[in-house]
Amino acid sequence: MKLINIGFGNMVSAQRLLSVISPDSAPVKRLVQEARDRGMLIDASFGRKTRAVLIMDTDHVILSALEPKTIRGRVAGDEEEEDREDEEG
């Protein structure tokens, strides 16, 4: 199982991650509020400004203080490391 660091020592499973989106649009803000109302919101931003919203296949919505681009790079970095391991071994 691959874990992705989403900031402040918090990790999510790469296999469960569906989407990483910016929180700026009204539909995303509604999605976050609906998740909060359903009890499916996880705030991993530690009081900082939310810069990324992660949508999981478990119907959870996770808030992160990292930029979506940073999280994407961490996901891609994990995949590149796995490819190198496959080539070596």
PDB file of N, CA and C in Angstrom:
ATOM      1  N   MET A   1       0.852  -1.173   0.000  1.00  0.00           N
ATOM      2  CA  MET A   1       0.000   0.000   0.000  1.00  0.00           C
ATOM      3  C   MET A   1       0.900   1.240   0.000  1.00  0.00           C
ATOM      4  N   LYS A   2       0.675   2.131  -0.941  1.00  0.00           N
ATOM      5  CA  LYS A   2       1.423   3.386  -1.020  1.00  0.00           C
ATOM      6  C   LYS A   2       0.692   4.460  -0.236  1.00  0.00           C
ATOM      7  N   LEU A   3       1.449   5.212   0.543  1.00  0.00           N
ATOM      8  CA  LEU A   3       0.888   6.326   1.287  1.00  0.00           C
ATOM      9  C   LEU A   3       1.489   7.620   0.758  1.00  0.00           C
ATOM     10  N   ILE A   4       0.665   8.638   0.677  1.00  0.00           N
ATOM     11  CA  ILE A   4       1.081   9.950   0.184  1.00  0.00           C
ATOM     12  C   ILE A   4       1.001  10.942   1.338  1.00  0.00           C
ATOM     13  N   ASN A   5       2.076  11.667   1.563  1.00  0.00           N
ATOM     14  CA  ASN A   5       2.106  12.684   2.599  1.00  0.00           C
ATOM     15  C   ASN A   5       1.310  13.894   2.112  1.00  0.00           C
ATOM     16  N   ILE A   6       0.275  14.274   2.878  1.00  0.00           N
ATOM     17  CA  ILE A   6      -0.546  15.428   2.494  1.00  0.00           C
ATOM     18  C   ILE A   6      -0.301  16.615   3.419  1.00  0.00           C
ATOM     19  N   GLY A   7       0.790  16.561   4.165  1.00  0.00           N
ATOM     20  CA  GLY A   7       1.168  17.677   5.023  1.00  0.00           C
ATOM     21  C   GLY A   7       0.994  17.381   6.493  1.00  0.00           C
ATOM     22  N   PHE A   8       1.893  17.951   7.301  1.00  0.00           N
ATOM     23  CA  PHE A   8       1.843  17.847   8.757  1.00  0.00           C
ATOM     24  C   PHE A   8       1.858  16.399   9.238  1.00  0.00           C
ATOM     25  N   GLY A   9       2.539  15.527   8.512  1.00  0.00           N
ATOM     26  CA  GLY A   9       2.655  14.131   8.907  1.00  0.00           C
ATOM     27  C   GLY A   9       1.439  13.277   8.596  1.00  0.00           C
ATOM     28  N   ASN A  10       0.470  13.829   7.905  1.00  0.00           N
ATOM     29  CA  ASN A  10      -0.732  13.076   7.542  1.00  0.00           C
ATOM     30  C   ASN A  10      -0.520  12.351   6.221  1.00  0.00           C
ATOM     31  N   MET A  11      -1.041  11.138   6.144  1.00  0.00           N
ATOM     32  CA  MET A  11      -0.866  10.311   4.948  1.00  0.00           C
ATOM     33  C   MET A  11      -2.226   9.788   4.489  1.00  0.00           C
ATOM     34  N   VAL A  12      -2.356   9.610   3.168  1.00  0.00           N
ATOM     35  CA  VAL A  12      -3.538   8.961   2.603  1.00  0.00           C
ATOM     36  C   VAL A  12      -3.074   7.850   1.670  1.00  0.00           C
ATOM     37  N   SER A  13      -3.935   6.887   1.476  1.00  0.00           N
ATOM     38  CA  SER A  13      -3.628   5.771   0.594  1.00  0.00           C
ATOM     39  C   SER A  13      -3.760   6.215  -0.861  1.00  0.00           C
ATOM     40  N   ALA A  14      -2.729   5.971  -1.646  1.00  0.00           N
ATOM     41  CA  ALA A  14      -2.759   6.356  -3.063  1.00  0.00           C
ATOM     42  C   ALA A  14      -3.827   5.587  -3.819  1.00  0.00           C
ATOM     43  N   GLN A  15      -4.102   4.355  -3.425  1.00  0.00           N
ATOM     44  CA  GLN A  15      -5.102   3.544  -4.110  1.00  0.00           C
ATOM     45  C   GLN A  15      -6.515   4.059  -3.876  1.00  0.00           C
ATOM     46  N   ARG A  16      -6.742   4.741  -2.786  1.00  0.00           N
ATOM     47  CA  ARG A  16      -8.074   5.251  -2.442  1.00  0.00           C
ATOM     48  C   ARG A  16      -8.339   6.659  -2.986  1.00  0.00           C
ATOM     49  N   LEU A  17      -7.306   7.343  -3.435  1.00  0.00           N
ATOM     50  CA  LEU A  17      -7.418   8.724  -3.895  1.00  0.00           C
ATOM     51  C   LEU A  17      -8.031   8.785  -5.287  1.00  0.00           C
ATOM     52  N   LEU A  18      -9.138   9.510  -5.416  1.00  0.00           N
ATOM     53  CA  LEU A  18      -9.796   9.682  -6.710  1.00  0.00           C
ATOM     54  C   LEU A  18      -9.391  10.982  -7.389  1.00  0.00           C
ATOM     55  N   SER A  19      -9.330  12.072  -6.599  1.00  0.00           N
ATOM     56  CA  SER A  19      -9.098  13.375  -7.205  1.00  0.00           C
ATOM     57  C   SER A  19      -8.486  14.335  -6.197  1.00  0.00           C
ATOM     58  N   VAL A  20      -7.669  15.258  -6.710  1.00  0.00           N
ATOM     59  CA  VAL A  20      -7.120  16.353  -5.916  1.00  0.00           C
ATOM     60  C   VAL A  20      -7.518  17.629  -6.641  1.00  0.00           C
ATOM     61  N   ILE A  21      -8.321  18.464  -5.984  1.00  0.00           N
ATOM     62  CA  ILE A  21      -8.862  19.644  -6.636  1.00  0.00           C
ATOM     63  C   ILE A  21      -8.638  20.896  -5.791  1.00  0.00           C
ATOM     64  N   SER A  22      -8.727  22.037  -6.437  1.00  0.00           N
ATOM     65  CA  SER A  22      -8.602  23.327  -5.772  1.00  0.00           C
ATOM     66  C   SER A  22      -9.919  23.665  -5.073  1.00  0.00           C
ATOM     67  N   PRO A  23      -9.877  24.275  -3.905  1.00  0.00           N
ATOM     68  CA  PRO A  23     -11.106  24.549  -3.150  1.00  0.00           C
ATOM     69  C   PRO A  23     -11.800  25.860  -3.503  1.00  0.00           C
ATOM     70  N   ASP A  24     -11.386  26.518  -4.575  1.00  0.00           N
ATOM     71  CA  ASP A  24     -11.850  27.873  -4.840  1.00  0.00           C
ATOM     72  C   ASP A  24     -13.247  27.985  -5.445  1.00  0.00           C
ATOM     73  N   SER A  25     -13.705  27.000  -6.175  1.00  0.00           N
ATOM     74  CA  SER A  25     -14.987  27.138  -6.877  1.00  0.00           C
ATOM     75  C   SER A  25     -16.175  26.857  -5.955  1.00  0.00           C
ATOM     76  N   ALA A  26     -17.312  27.410  -6.309  1.00  0.00           N
ATOM     77  CA  ALA A  26     -18.533  27.229  -5.521  1.00  0.00           C
ATOM     78  C   ALA A  26     -18.962  25.764  -5.436  1.00  0.00           C
ATOM     79  N   PRO A  27     -18.896  24.977  -6.525  1.00  0.00           N
ATOM     80  CA  PRO A  27     -19.287  23.564  -6.401  1.00  0.00           C
ATOM     81  C   PRO A  27     -18.413  22.783  -5.421  1.00  0.00           C
ATOM     82  N   VAL A  28     -17.132  23.097  -5.373  1.00  0.00           N
ATOM     83  CA  VAL A  28     -16.240  22.407  -4.436  1.00  0.00           C
ATOM     84  C   VAL A  28     -16.568  22.828  -3.010  1.00  0.00           C
ATOM     85  N   LYS A  29     -16.867  24.094  -2.808  1.00  0.00           N
ATOM     86  CA  LYS A  29     -17.251  24.564  -1.480  1.00  0.00           C
ATOM     87  C   LYS A  29     -18.535  23.877  -1.013  1.00  0.00           C
ATOM     88  N   ARG A  30     -19.481  23.664  -1.927  1.00  0.00           N
ATOM     89  CA  ARG A  30     -20.701  22.936  -1.589  1.00  0.00           C
ATOM     90  C   ARG A  30     -20.396  21.486  -1.237  1.00  0.00           C
ATOM     91  N   LEU A  31     -19.507  20.876  -2.007  1.00  0.00           N
ATOM     92  CA  LEU A  31     -19.104  19.496  -1.755  1.00  0.00           C
ATOM     93  C   LEU A  31     -18.485  19.364  -0.360  1.00  0.00           C
ATOM     94  N   VAL A  32     -17.634  20.305   0.017  1.00  0.00           N
ATOM     95  CA  VAL A  32     -17.004  20.291   1.338  1.00  0.00           C
ATOM     96  C   VAL A  32     -18.059  20.463   2.430  1.00  0.00           C
ATOM     97  N   GLN A  33     -18.991  21.383   2.230  1.00  0.00           N
ATOM     98  CA  GLN A  33     -20.037  21.606   3.232  1.00  0.00           C
ATOM     99  C   GLN A  33     -20.935  20.388   3.384  1.00  0.00           C
ATOM    100  N   GLU A  34     -21.271  19.744   2.271  1.00  0.00           N
ATOM    101  CA  GLU A  34     -22.099  18.535   2.328  1.00  0.00           C
ATOM    102  C   GLU A  34     -21.364  17.409   3.056  1.00  0.00           C
ATOM    103  N   ALA A  35     -20.074  17.278   2.807  1.00  0.00           N
ATOM    104  CA  ALA A  35     -19.277  16.262   3.506  1.00  0.00           C
ATOM    105  C   ALA A  35     -19.235  16.565   5.006  1.00  0.00           C
ATOM    106  N   ARG A  36     -19.109  17.841   5.355  1.00  0.00           N
ATOM    107  CA  ARG A  36     -19.107  18.239   6.763  1.00  0.00           C
ATOM    108  C   ARG A  36     -20.438  17.868   7.418  1.00  0.00           C
ATOM    109  N   ASP A  37     -21.533  18.143   6.731  1.00  0.00           N
ATOM    110  CA  ASP A  37     -22.860  17.830   7.262  1.00  0.00           C
ATOM    111  C   ASP A  37     -23.063  16.330   7.457  1.00  0.00           C
ATOM    112  N   ARG A  38     -22.492  15.516   6.562  1.00  0.00           N
ATOM    113  CA  ARG A  38     -22.625  14.048   6.629  1.00  0.00           C
ATOM    114  C   ARG A  38     -21.628  13.415   7.589  1.00  0.00           C
ATOM    115  N   GLY A  39     -20.677  14.202   8.086  1.00  0.00           N
ATOM    116  CA  GLY A  39     -19.642  13.669   8.965  1.00  0.00           C
ATOM    117  C   GLY A  39     -18.543  12.936   8.208  1.00  0.00           C
ATOM    118  N   MET A  40     -18.351  13.257   6.937  1.00  0.00           N
ATOM    119  CA  MET A  40     -17.357  12.594   6.097  1.00  0.00           C
ATOM    120  C   MET A  40     -16.189  13.515   5.751  1.00  0.00           C
ATOM    121  N   LEU A  41     -16.057  14.635   6.459  1.00  0.00           N
ATOM    122  CA  LEU A  41     -14.979  15.588   6.192  1.00  0.00           C
ATOM    123  C   LEU A  41     -13.840  15.365   7.175  1.00  0.00           C
ATOM    124  N   ILE A  42     -12.625  15.322   6.647  1.00  0.00           N
ATOM    125  CA  ILE A  42     -11.418  15.218   7.468  1.00  0.00           C
ATOM    126  C   ILE A  42     -10.589  16.461   7.183  1.00  0.00           C
ATOM    127  N   ASP A  43     -10.375  17.270   8.209  1.00  0.00           N
ATOM    128  CA  ASP A  43      -9.605  18.504   8.040  1.00  0.00           C
ATOM    129  C   ASP A  43      -8.160  18.244   8.456  1.00  0.00           C
ATOM    130  N   ALA A  44      -7.286  18.050   7.475  1.00  0.00           N
ATOM    131  CA  ALA A  44      -5.869  17.797   7.734  1.00  0.00           C
ATOM    132  C   ALA A  44      -5.035  19.047   7.468  1.00  0.00           C
ATOM    133  N   SER A  45      -5.687  20.213   7.478  1.00  0.00           N
ATOM    134  CA  SER A  45      -4.968  21.463   7.206  1.00  0.00           C
ATOM    135  C   SER A  45      -4.407  22.096   8.475  1.00  0.00           C
ATOM    136  N   PHE A  46      -4.798  21.594   9.656  1.00  0.00           N
ATOM    137  CA  PHE A  46      -4.302  22.079  10.940  1.00  0.00           C
ATOM    138  C   PHE A  46      -4.483  23.586  11.084  1.00  0.00           C
ATOM    139  N   GLY A  47      -5.627  24.090  10.688  1.00  0.00           N
ATOM    140  CA  GLY A  47      -5.937  25.502  10.858  1.00  0.00           C
ATOM    141  C   GLY A  47      -5.358  26.419   9.801  1.00  0.00           C
ATOM    142  N   ARG A  48      -4.578  25.876   8.908  1.00  0.00           N
ATOM    143  CA  ARG A  48      -4.016  26.690   7.823  1.00  0.00           C
ATOM    144  C   ARG A  48      -5.059  26.830   6.717  1.00  0.00           C
ATOM    145  N   LYS A  49      -4.763  27.675   5.748  1.00  0.00           N
ATOM    146  CA  LYS A  49      -5.658  27.855   4.612  1.00  0.00           C
ATOM    147  C   LYS A  49      -5.724  26.553   3.791  1.00  0.00           C
ATOM    148  N   THR A  50      -6.929  26.153   3.447  1.00  0.00           N
ATOM    149  CA  THR A  50      -7.110  24.947   2.636  1.00  0.00           C
ATOM    150  C   THR A  50      -6.719  25.260   1.202  1.00  0.00           C
ATOM    151  N   ARG A  51      -5.773  24.505   0.661  1.00  0.00           N
ATOM    152  CA  ARG A  51      -5.314  24.733  -0.703  1.00  0.00           C
ATOM    153  C   ARG A  51      -5.624  23.567  -1.621  1.00  0.00           C
ATOM    154  N   ALA A  52      -6.004  22.429  -1.040  1.00  0.00           N
ATOM    155  CA  ALA A  52      -6.358  21.266  -1.855  1.00  0.00           C
ATOM    156  C   ALA A  52      -7.466  20.483  -1.159  1.00  0.00           C
ATOM    157  N   VAL A  53      -8.359  19.942  -1.961  1.00  0.00           N
ATOM    158  CA  VAL A  53      -9.423  19.075  -1.474  1.00  0.00           C
ATOM    159  C   VAL A  53      -9.206  17.718  -2.126  1.00  0.00           C
ATOM    160  N   LEU A  54      -9.096  16.689  -1.303  1.00  0.00           N
ATOM    161  CA  LEU A  54      -8.886  15.338  -1.798  1.00  0.00           C
ATOM    162  C   LEU A  54     -10.192  14.564  -1.702  1.00  0.00           C
ATOM    163  N   ILE A  55     -10.580  13.960  -2.799  1.00  0.00           N
ATOM    164  CA  ILE A  55     -11.787  13.151  -2.849  1.00  0.00           C
ATOM    165  C   ILE A  55     -11.349  11.694  -2.830  1.00  0.00           C
ATOM    166  N   MET A  56     -11.885  10.946  -1.880  1.00  0.00           N
ATOM    167  CA  MET A  56     -11.503   9.551  -1.722  1.00  0.00           C
ATOM    168  C   MET A  56     -12.633   8.626  -2.200  1.00  0.00           C
ATOM    169  N   ASP A  57     -12.291   7.396  -2.529  1.00  0.00           N
ATOM    170  CA  ASP A  57     -13.309   6.460  -3.001  1.00  0.00           C
ATOM    171  C   ASP A  57     -14.209   5.961  -1.871  1.00  0.00           C
ATOM    172  N   THR A  58     -13.885   6.290  -0.636  1.00  0.00           N
ATOM    173  CA  THR A  58     -14.708   5.920   0.513  1.00  0.00           C
ATOM    174  C   THR A  58     -15.770   6.974   0.812  1.00  0.00           C
ATOM    175  N   ASP A  59     -15.879   7.977  -0.044  1.00  0.00           N
ATOM    176  CA  ASP A  59     -16.809   9.096   0.090  1.00  0.00           C
ATOM    177  C   ASP A  59     -16.329  10.130   1.112  1.00  0.00           C
ATOM    178  N   HIS A  60     -15.102   9.985   1.606  1.00  0.00           N
ATOM    179  CA  HIS A  60     -14.529  10.990   2.487  1.00  0.00           C
ATOM    180  C   HIS A  60     -13.976  12.137   1.655  1.00  0.00           C
ATOM    181  N   VAL A  61     -13.993  13.319   2.239  1.00  0.00           N
ATOM    182  CA  VAL A  61     -13.405  14.513   1.643  1.00  0.00           C
ATOM    183  C   VAL A  61     -12.348  15.002   2.640  1.00  0.00           C
ATOM    184  N   ILE A  62     -11.133  15.201   2.154  1.00  0.00           N
ATOM    185  CA  ILE A  62     -10.018  15.575   3.020  1.00  0.00           C
ATOM    186  C   ILE A  62      -9.497  16.941   2.589  1.00  0.00           C
ATOM    187  N   LEU A  63      -9.295  17.827   3.569  1.00  0.00           N
ATOM    188  CA  LEU A  63      -8.751  19.152   3.312  1.00  0.00           C
ATOM    189  C   LEU A  63      -7.266  19.143   3.625  1.00  0.00           C
ATOM    190  N   SER A  64      -6.452  19.740   2.745  1.00  0.00           N
ATOM    191  CA  SER A  64      -5.017  19.807   2.939  1.00  0.00           C
ATOM    192  C   SER A  64      -4.527  21.230   2.727  1.00  0.00           C
ATOM    193  N   ALA A  65      -3.458  21.588   3.434  1.00  0.00           N
ATOM    194  CA  ALA A  65      -2.852  22.909   3.285  1.00  0.00           C
ATOM    195  C   ALA A  65      -1.825  22.939   2.158  1.00  0.00           C
ATOM    196  N   LEU A  66      -1.566  21.797   1.528  1.00  0.00           N
ATOM    197  CA  LEU A  66      -0.635  21.746   0.401  1.00  0.00           C
ATOM    198  C   LEU A  66      -1.351  22.055  -0.903  1.00  0.00           C
ATOM    199  N   GLU A  67      -0.608  22.594  -1.858  1.00  0.00           N
ATOM    200  CA  GLU A  67      -1.155  22.872  -3.187  1.00  0.00           C
ATOM    201  C   GLU A  67      -1.442  21.554  -3.916  1.00  0.00           C
ATOM    202  N   PRO A  68      -2.480  21.524  -4.762  1.00  0.00           N
ATOM    203  CA  PRO A  68      -2.745  20.316  -5.552  1.00  0.00           C
ATOM    204  C   PRO A  68      -1.533  19.877  -6.380  1.00  0.00           C
ATOM    205  N   LYS A  69      -0.791  20.848  -6.891  1.00  0.00           N
ATOM    206  CA  LYS A  69       0.393  20.536  -7.689  1.00  0.00           C
ATOM    207  C   LYS A  69       1.440  19.781  -6.860  1.00  0.00           C
ATOM    208  N   THR A  70       1.600  20.164  -5.608  1.00  0.00           N
ATOM    209  CA  THR A  70       2.550  19.496  -4.720  1.00  0.00           C
ATOM    210  C   THR A  70       2.124  18.058  -4.455  1.00  0.00           C
ATOM    211  N   ILE A  71       0.848  17.868  -4.198  1.00  0.00           N
ATOM    212  CA  ILE A  71       0.338  16.515  -3.947  1.00  0.00           C
ATOM    213  C   ILE A  71       0.481  15.663  -5.198  1.00  0.00           C
ATOM    214  N   ARG A  72       0.183  16.239  -6.359  1.00  0.00           N
ATOM    215  CA  ARG A  72       0.333  15.509  -7.619  1.00  0.00           C
ATOM    216  C   ARG A  72       1.777  15.062  -7.806  1.00  0.00           C
ATOM    217  N   GLY A  73       2.710  15.951  -7.491  1.00  0.00           N
ATOM    218  CA  GLY A  73       4.116  15.604  -7.598  1.00  0.00           C
ATOM    219  C   GLY A  73       4.507  14.459  -6.681  1.00  0.00           C
ATOM    220  N   ARG A  74       3.924  14.432  -5.496  1.00  0.00           N
ATOM    221  CA  ARG A  74       4.216  13.340  -4.563  1.00  0.00           C
ATOM    222  C   ARG A  74       3.633  12.029  -5.062  1.00  0.00           C
ATOM    223  N   VAL A  75       2.457  12.084  -5.660  1.00  0.00           N
ATOM    224  CA  VAL A  75       1.863  10.864  -6.230  1.00  0.00           C
ATOM    225  C   VAL A  75       2.717  10.393  -7.396  1.00  0.00           C
ATOM    226  N   ALA A  76       3.100  11.293  -8.279  1.00  0.00           N
ATOM    227  CA  ALA A  76       3.922  10.938  -9.437  1.00  0.00           C
ATOM    228  C   ALA A  76       5.290  10.448  -8.996  1.00  0.00           C
ATOM    229  N   GLY A  77       5.851  11.049  -7.963  1.00  0.00           N
ATOM    230  CA  GLY A  77       7.145  10.625  -7.452  1.00  0.00           C
ATOM    231  C   GLY A  77       7.106   9.203  -6.947  1.00  0.00           C
ATOM    232  N   ASP A  78       6.031   8.831  -6.285  1.00  0.00           N
ATOM    233  CA  ASP A  78       5.874   7.458  -5.802  1.00  0.00           C
ATOM    234  C   ASP A  78       5.823   6.486  -6.962  1.00  0.00           C
ATOM    235  N   GLU A  79       5.102   6.860  -8.028  1.00  0.00           N
ATOM    236  CA  GLU A  79       4.985   5.981  -9.182  1.00  0.00           C
ATOM    237  C   GLU A  79       6.332   5.826  -9.884  1.00  0.00           C
ATOM    238  N   GLU A  80       7.107   6.925  -9.979  1.00  0.00           N
ATOM    239  CA  GLU A  80       8.411   6.858 -10.626  1.00  0.00           C
ATOM    240  C   GLU A  80       9.362   5.966  -9.832  1.00  0.00           C
ATOM    241  N   GLU A  81       9.295   6.041  -8.505  1.00  0.00           N
ATOM    242  CA  GLU A  81      10.139   5.189  -7.676  1.00  0.00           C
ATOM    243  C   GLU A  81       9.799   3.727  -7.874  1.00  0.00           C
ATOM    244  N   GLU A  82       8.512   3.420  -7.989  1.00  0.00           N
ATOM    245  CA  GLU A  82       8.088   2.038  -8.202  1.00  0.00           C
ATOM    246  C   GLU A  82       8.587   1.535  -9.551  1.00  0.00           C
ATOM    247  N   ASP A  83       8.504   2.378 -10.592  1.00  0.00           N
ATOM    248  CA  ASP A  83       8.980   1.985 -11.918  1.00  0.00           C
ATOM    249  C   ASP A  83      10.471   1.670 -11.879  1.00  0.00           C
ATOM    250  N   ARG A  84      11.260   2.471 -11.148  1.00  0.00           N
ATOM    251  CA  ARG A  84      12.694   2.218 -11.034  1.00  0.00           C
ATOM    252  C   ARG A  84      12.965   0.896 -10.322  1.00  0.00           C
ATOM    253  N   GLU A  85      12.164   0.596  -9.290  1.00  0.00           N
ATOM    254  CA  GLU A  85      12.338  -0.666  -8.581  1.00  0.00           C
ATOM    255  C   GLU A  85      12.018  -1.842  -9.482  1.00  0.00           C
ATOM    256  N   ASP A  86      10.986  -1.727 -10.328  1.00  0.00           N
ATOM    257  CA  ASP A  86      10.621  -2.795 -11.254  1.00  0.00           C
ATOM    258  C   ASP A  86      11.734  -3.051 -12.252  1.00  0.00           C
ATOM    259  N   GLU A  87      12.363  -1.969 -12.740  1.00  0.00           N
ATOM    260  CA  GLU A  87      13.439  -2.109 -13.714  1.00  0.00           C
ATOM    261  C   GLU A  87      14.669  -2.765 -13.096  1.00  0.00           C
ATOM    262  N   GLU A  88      14.944  -2.429 -11.829  1.00  0.00           N
ATOM    263  CA  GLU A  88      16.118  -2.957 -11.164  1.00  0.00           C
ATOM    264  C   GLU A  88      15.950  -4.423 -10.756  1.00  0.00           C
ATOM    265  N   GLY A  89      14.754  -4.779 -10.341  1.00  0.00           N
ATOM    266  CA  GLY A  89      14.602  -6.096  -9.753  1.00  0.00           C
ATOM    267  C   GLY A  89      13.682  -6.946 -10.509  1.00  0.00           C
TER     268      GLY A  89
END
